[in-house]
C-alpha atoms as a PDB file:
ATOM      1  CA  MET A   1      76.192  75.274 -39.257  1.00  0.00           C
ATOM      2  CA  SER A   2      74.550  71.746 -39.440  1.00  0.00           C
ATOM      3  CA  ASP A   3      75.548  69.671 -36.513  1.00  0.00           C
ATOM      4  CA  VAL A   4      77.182  66.868 -38.281  1.00  0.00           C
ATOM      5  CA  GLY A   5      79.543  65.141 -35.811  1.00  0.00           C
ATOM      6  CA  ILE A   6      78.986  62.482 -32.188  1.00  0.00           C
ATOM      7  CA  PRO A   7      75.485  61.908 -31.422  1.00  0.00           C
ATOM      8  CA  HIS A   8      73.940  62.163 -28.506  1.00  0.00           C
ATOM      9  CA  ARG A   9      71.371  59.671 -27.634  1.00  0.00           C
ATOM     10  CA  LEU A  10      72.498  56.366 -26.657  1.00  0.00           C
ATOM     11  CA  LEU A  11      70.876  52.979 -27.509  1.00  0.00           C
ATOM     12  CA  LEU A  12      69.917  50.692 -24.533  1.00  0.00           C
ATOM     13  CA  ALA A  13      69.269  47.092 -25.231  1.00  0.00           C
ATOM     14  CA  CYS A  14      67.705  46.200 -21.774  1.00  0.00           C
ATOM     15  CA  GLU A  15      66.529  42.122 -21.059  1.00  0.00           C
ATOM     16  CA  ALA A  16      64.258  41.742 -18.486  1.00  0.00           C
ATOM     17  CA  PHE A  17      66.279  41.665 -15.107  1.00  0.00           C
ATOM     18  CA  GLY A  18      63.764  38.859 -13.332  1.00  0.00           C
ATOM     19  CA  PRO A  19      59.914  38.892 -13.185  1.00  0.00           C
ATOM     20  CA  ARG A  20      59.925  42.325 -10.982  1.00  0.00           C
ATOM     21  CA  LEU A  21      62.278  43.555 -13.713  1.00  0.00           C
ATOM     22  CA  PRO A  22      60.560  43.156 -16.819  1.00  0.00           C
ATOM     23  CA  ALA A  23      62.866  44.763 -20.178  1.00  0.00           C
ATOM     24  CA  THR A  24      60.911  47.975 -19.920  1.00  0.00           C
ATOM     25  CA  ALA A  25      61.094  48.427 -16.461  1.00  0.00           C
ATOM     26  CA  VAL A  26      64.868  48.003 -16.341  1.00  0.00           C
ATOM     27  CA  ALA A  27      65.357  50.380 -19.947  1.00  0.00           C
ATOM     28  CA  GLU A  28      62.851  52.806 -18.583  1.00  0.00           C
ATOM     29  CA  ALA A  29      64.814  53.169 -15.489  1.00  0.00           C
ATOM     30  CA  ILE A  30      68.323  52.938 -16.797  1.00  0.00           C
ATOM     31  CA  SER A  31      66.531  55.837 -19.373  1.00  0.00           C
ATOM     32  CA  ARG A  32      65.286  57.756 -16.084  1.00  0.00           C
ATOM     33  CA  GLY A  33      68.871  58.193 -15.080  1.00  0.00           C
ATOM     34  CA  VAL A  34      70.452  59.180 -18.145  1.00  0.00           C
ATOM     35  CA  GLN A  35      68.187  61.618 -18.184  1.00  0.00           C
ATOM     36  CA  ASP A  36      68.252  62.820 -15.189  1.00  0.00           C
ATOM     37  CA  ALA A  37      72.066  63.993 -15.973  1.00  0.00           C
ATOM     38  CA  GLY A  38      70.872  65.791 -19.262  1.00  0.00           C
ATOM     39  CA  MET A  39      71.022  63.061 -21.804  1.00  0.00           C
ATOM     40  CA  PRO A  40      68.669  63.117 -24.636  1.00  0.00           C
ATOM     41  CA  GLU A  41      65.711  60.159 -24.090  1.00  0.00           C
ATOM     42  CA  PRO A  42      67.637  56.744 -25.810  1.00  0.00           C
ATOM     43  CA  ASP A  43      66.853  54.797 -27.718  1.00  0.00           C
ATOM     44  CA  VAL A  44      65.688  52.014 -26.115  1.00  0.00           C
ATOM     45  CA  CYS A  45      65.927  48.275 -27.688  1.00  0.00           C
ATOM     46  CA  LEU A  46      64.337  45.693 -25.743  1.00  0.00           C
ATOM     47  CA  LEU A  47      64.717  41.657 -25.909  1.00  0.00           C
ATOM     48  CA  PRO A  48      64.336  39.042 -24.989  1.00  0.00           C
ATOM     49  CA  SER A  49      65.470  37.859 -21.301  1.00  0.00           C
ATOM     50  CA  PRO A  50      67.556  34.824 -22.290  1.00  0.00           C
ATOM     51  CA  GLN A  51      65.689  32.040 -21.836  1.00  0.00           C
ATOM     52  CA  ASP A  52      63.260  33.210 -24.221  1.00  0.00           C
ATOM     53  CA  GLU A  53      65.527  33.812 -26.626  1.00  0.00           C
ATOM     54  CA  ARG A  54      65.642  32.454 -29.657  1.00  0.00           C
ATOM     55  CA  SER A  55      68.529  30.526 -31.229  1.00  0.00           C
ATOM     56  CA  ASP A  56      68.864  33.345 -34.242  1.00  0.00           C
ATOM     57  CA  VAL A  57      70.122  36.312 -31.664  1.00  0.00           C
ATOM     58  CA  ARG A  58      71.404  37.521 -35.379  1.00  0.00           C
ATOM     59  CA  GLU A  59      68.513  37.309 -37.323  1.00  0.00           C
ATOM     60  CA  MET A  60      66.289  38.478 -34.074  1.00  0.00           C
ATOM     61  CA  LEU A  61      69.027  41.600 -34.239  1.00  0.00           C
ATOM     62  CA  GLU A  62      68.398  42.107 -37.997  1.00  0.00           C
ATOM     63  CA  GLU A  63      64.414  42.289 -36.848  1.00  0.00           C
ATOM     64  CA  LEU A  64      65.413  45.268 -34.758  1.00  0.00           C
ATOM     65  CA  GLY A  65      67.043  46.888 -37.306  1.00  0.00           C
ATOM     66  CA  PHE A  66      69.947  46.635 -34.434  1.00  0.00           C
ATOM     67  CA  ASP A  67      72.657  48.429 -37.024  1.00  0.00           C
ATOM     68  CA  GLU A  68      71.730  50.931 -37.791  1.00  0.00           C
ATOM     69  CA  ARG A  69      70.154  52.171 -35.060  1.00  0.00           C
ATOM     70  CA  MET A  70      73.571  51.324 -32.951  1.00  0.00           C
ATOM     71  CA  ARG A  71      75.045  53.275 -35.993  1.00  0.00           C
ATOM     72  CA  SER A  72      73.811  56.578 -35.308  1.00  0.00           C
ATOM     73  CA  ALA A  73      74.306  56.354 -31.075  1.00  0.00           C
ATOM     74  CA  ARG A  74      76.900  57.677 -29.225  1.00  0.00           C
ATOM     75  CA  ALA A  75      77.262  54.701 -27.397  1.00  0.00           C
ATOM     76  CA  VAL A  76      75.734  51.720 -26.465  1.00  0.00           C
ATOM     77  CA  VAL A  77      74.397  50.283 -22.731  1.00  0.00           C
ATOM     78  CA  ILE A  78      73.801  46.109 -22.621  1.00  0.00           C
ATOM     79  CA  GLY A  79      71.524  45.914 -19.811  1.00  0.00           C
ATOM     80  CA  ALA A  80      71.736  42.263 -18.584  1.00  0.00           C
ATOM     81  CA  ALA A  81      70.473  40.597 -16.492  1.00  0.00           C
ATOM     82  CA  GLN A  82      73.694  38.225 -16.316  1.00  0.00           C
ATOM     83  CA  LEU A  83      76.766  38.484 -17.374  1.00  0.00           C
ATOM     84  CA  HIS A  84      78.765  35.069 -16.664  1.00  0.00           C
ATOM     85  CA  GLU A  85      81.230  33.991 -19.276  1.00  0.00           C
ATOM     86  CA  ARG A  86      80.034  30.712 -19.495  1.00  0.00           C
ATOM     87  CA  THR A  87      76.821  31.754 -21.136  1.00  0.00           C
ATOM     88  CA  PHE A  88      78.002  34.903 -22.763  1.00  0.00           C
ATOM     89  CA  ASP A  89      79.053  33.103 -25.792  1.00  0.00           C
ATOM     90  CA  GLY A  90      75.558  32.663 -28.426  1.00  0.00           C
ATOM     91  CA  SER A  91      73.210  35.912 -26.297  1.00  0.00           C
ATOM     92  CA  ALA A  92      72.145  39.196 -27.069  1.00  0.00           C
ATOM     93  CA  ALA A  93      74.428  40.765 -24.992  1.00  0.00           C
ATOM     94  CA  PHE A  94      78.319  39.289 -26.484  1.00  0.00           C
ATOM     95  CA  GLU A  95      76.035  39.570 -30.265  1.00  0.00           C
ATOM     96  CA  ILE A  96      75.423  43.506 -29.700  1.00  0.00           C
ATOM     97  CA  ALA A  97      79.383  44.023 -27.600  1.00  0.00           C
ATOM     98  CA  THR A  98      80.545  42.495 -30.779  1.00  0.00           C
ATOM     99  CA  ARG A  99      79.040  44.688 -32.879  1.00  0.00           C
ATOM    100  CA  ALA A 100      79.738  47.173 -31.128  1.00  0.00           C
ATOM    101  CA  ARG A 101      83.646  46.777 -30.993  1.00  0.00           C
ATOM    102  CA  GLN A 102      83.284  45.843 -34.906  1.00  0.00           C
ATOM    103  CA  GLY A 103      81.276  49.315 -35.644  1.00  0.00           C
ATOM    104  CA  GLY A 104      83.866  51.451 -33.256  1.00  0.00           C
ATOM    105  CA  VAL A 105      80.941  52.383 -31.369  1.00  0.00           C
ATOM    106  CA  PRO A 106      81.744  52.347 -27.159  1.00  0.00           C
ATOM    107  CA  ALA A 107      80.212  50.070 -25.828  1.00  0.00           C
ATOM    108  CA  TYR A 108      78.791  49.700 -21.534  1.00  0.00           C
ATOM    109  CA  ALA A 109      77.236  46.773 -19.833  1.00  0.00           C
ATOM    110  CA  ILE A 110      74.342  47.348 -16.843  1.00  0.00           C
ATOM    111  CA  ALA A 111      74.356  44.046 -15.095  1.00  0.00           C
ATOM    112  CA  GLY A 112      71.893  42.627 -12.630  1.00  0.00           C
ATOM    113  CA  GLU A 113      74.683  40.133 -11.261  1.00  0.00           C
ATOM    114  CA  SER A 114      78.567  39.633 -13.163  1.00  0.00           C
ATOM    115  CA  THR A 115      81.578  37.013 -12.751  1.00  0.00           C
ATOM    116  CA  LEU A 116      83.183  37.794 -16.054  1.00  0.00           C
ATOM    117  CA  GLU A 117      86.647  38.861 -15.418  1.00  0.00           C
ATOM    118  CA  LEU A 118      88.626  42.771 -16.610  1.00  0.00           C
ATOM    119  CA  PHE A 119      90.035  40.438 -19.609  1.00  0.00           C
ATOM    120  CA  ASP A 120      86.818  39.349 -21.102  1.00  0.00           C
ATOM    121  CA  ALA A 121      85.448  42.364 -20.421  1.00  0.00           C
ATOM    122  CA  ARG A 122      88.880  43.945 -22.381  1.00  0.00           C
ATOM    123  CA  ILE A 123      87.975  41.699 -25.297  1.00  0.00           C
ATOM    124  CA  LEU A 124      84.798  42.378 -25.677  1.00  0.00           C
ATOM    125  CA  ASP A 125      85.814  46.546 -25.428  1.00  0.00           C
ATOM    126  CA  LEU A 126      82.728  47.007 -22.650  1.00  0.00           C
ATOM    127  CA  GLN A 127      84.069  49.861 -21.506  1.00  0.00           C
ATOM    128  CA  LEU A 128      82.925  49.174 -18.189  1.00  0.00           C
ATOM    129  CA  ILE A 129      80.057  47.160 -15.982  1.00  0.00           C
ATOM    130  CA  LEU A 130      78.559  48.120 -13.454  1.00  0.00           C
ATOM    131  CA  ARG A 131      76.454  46.531 -11.447  1.00  0.00           C
ATOM    132  CA  ALA A 132      72.547  47.058 -10.326  1.00  0.00           C
ATOM    133  CA  ARG A 133      69.695  45.094  -9.036  1.00  0.00           C
ATOM    134  CA  SER A 134      66.729  47.224  -8.220  1.00  0.00           C
ATOM    135  CA  ARG A 135      64.622  50.205 -10.308  1.00  0.00           C
ATOM    136  CA  PRO A 136      66.639  52.774  -8.085  1.00  0.00           C
ATOM    137  CA  ALA A 137      70.631  51.013  -8.501  1.00  0.00           C
ATOM    138  CA  LEU A 138      69.551  51.085 -12.885  1.00  0.00           C
ATOM    139  CA  VAL A 139      68.046  54.443 -12.239  1.00  0.00           C
ATOM    140  CA  MET A 140      71.469  55.621 -10.321  1.00  0.00           C
ATOM    141  CA  ALA A 141      73.924  53.174 -12.983  1.00  0.00           C
ATOM    142  CA  GLY A 142      71.766  54.955 -16.304  1.00  0.00           C
ATOM    143  CA  LEU A 143      73.376  58.502 -13.880  1.00  0.00           C
ATOM    144  CA  ALA A 144      76.511  57.324 -14.021  1.00  0.00           C
ATOM    145  CA  LEU A 145      76.885  55.921 -17.766  1.00  0.00           C
ATOM    146  CA  ALA A 146      75.635  59.011 -18.731  1.00  0.00           C
ATOM    147  CA  GLN A 147      78.162  61.184 -17.408  1.00  0.00           C
ATOM    148  CA  LEU A 148      80.861  59.461 -18.765  1.00  0.00           C
ATOM    149  CA  ALA A 149      79.593  58.573 -21.892  1.00  0.00           C
END
């Protein structure tokens, strides 16, 4: 019997959480937690930090092959330094959450800081937003999400 069904790997879409936590470090910490929970190594999609973000987020995601990667993932985990209603629209995190919702792929977020209201998270169909500001906290957030996803 072939193993067709729900994918096992998560897709991590991570940006830097500041100069001490570049996108690679954020992704590595979350990935460690995910793997410590027994899940396979996630697919990692590194994103530019919001201040470096190009004006055309859609083009950037196309270059990363994001949609195909998302459709082959069990869920998408957005690692964003900040999730704020006033800056979320037009950001990579917003575009990824929108694409996941439209594609029927569950989406979660791990943020250094979040002021999104429950209603905003529901509109974006984010299943859960966890806060983490350090490497150990990112590992723990990855562990927690792996147990939910």
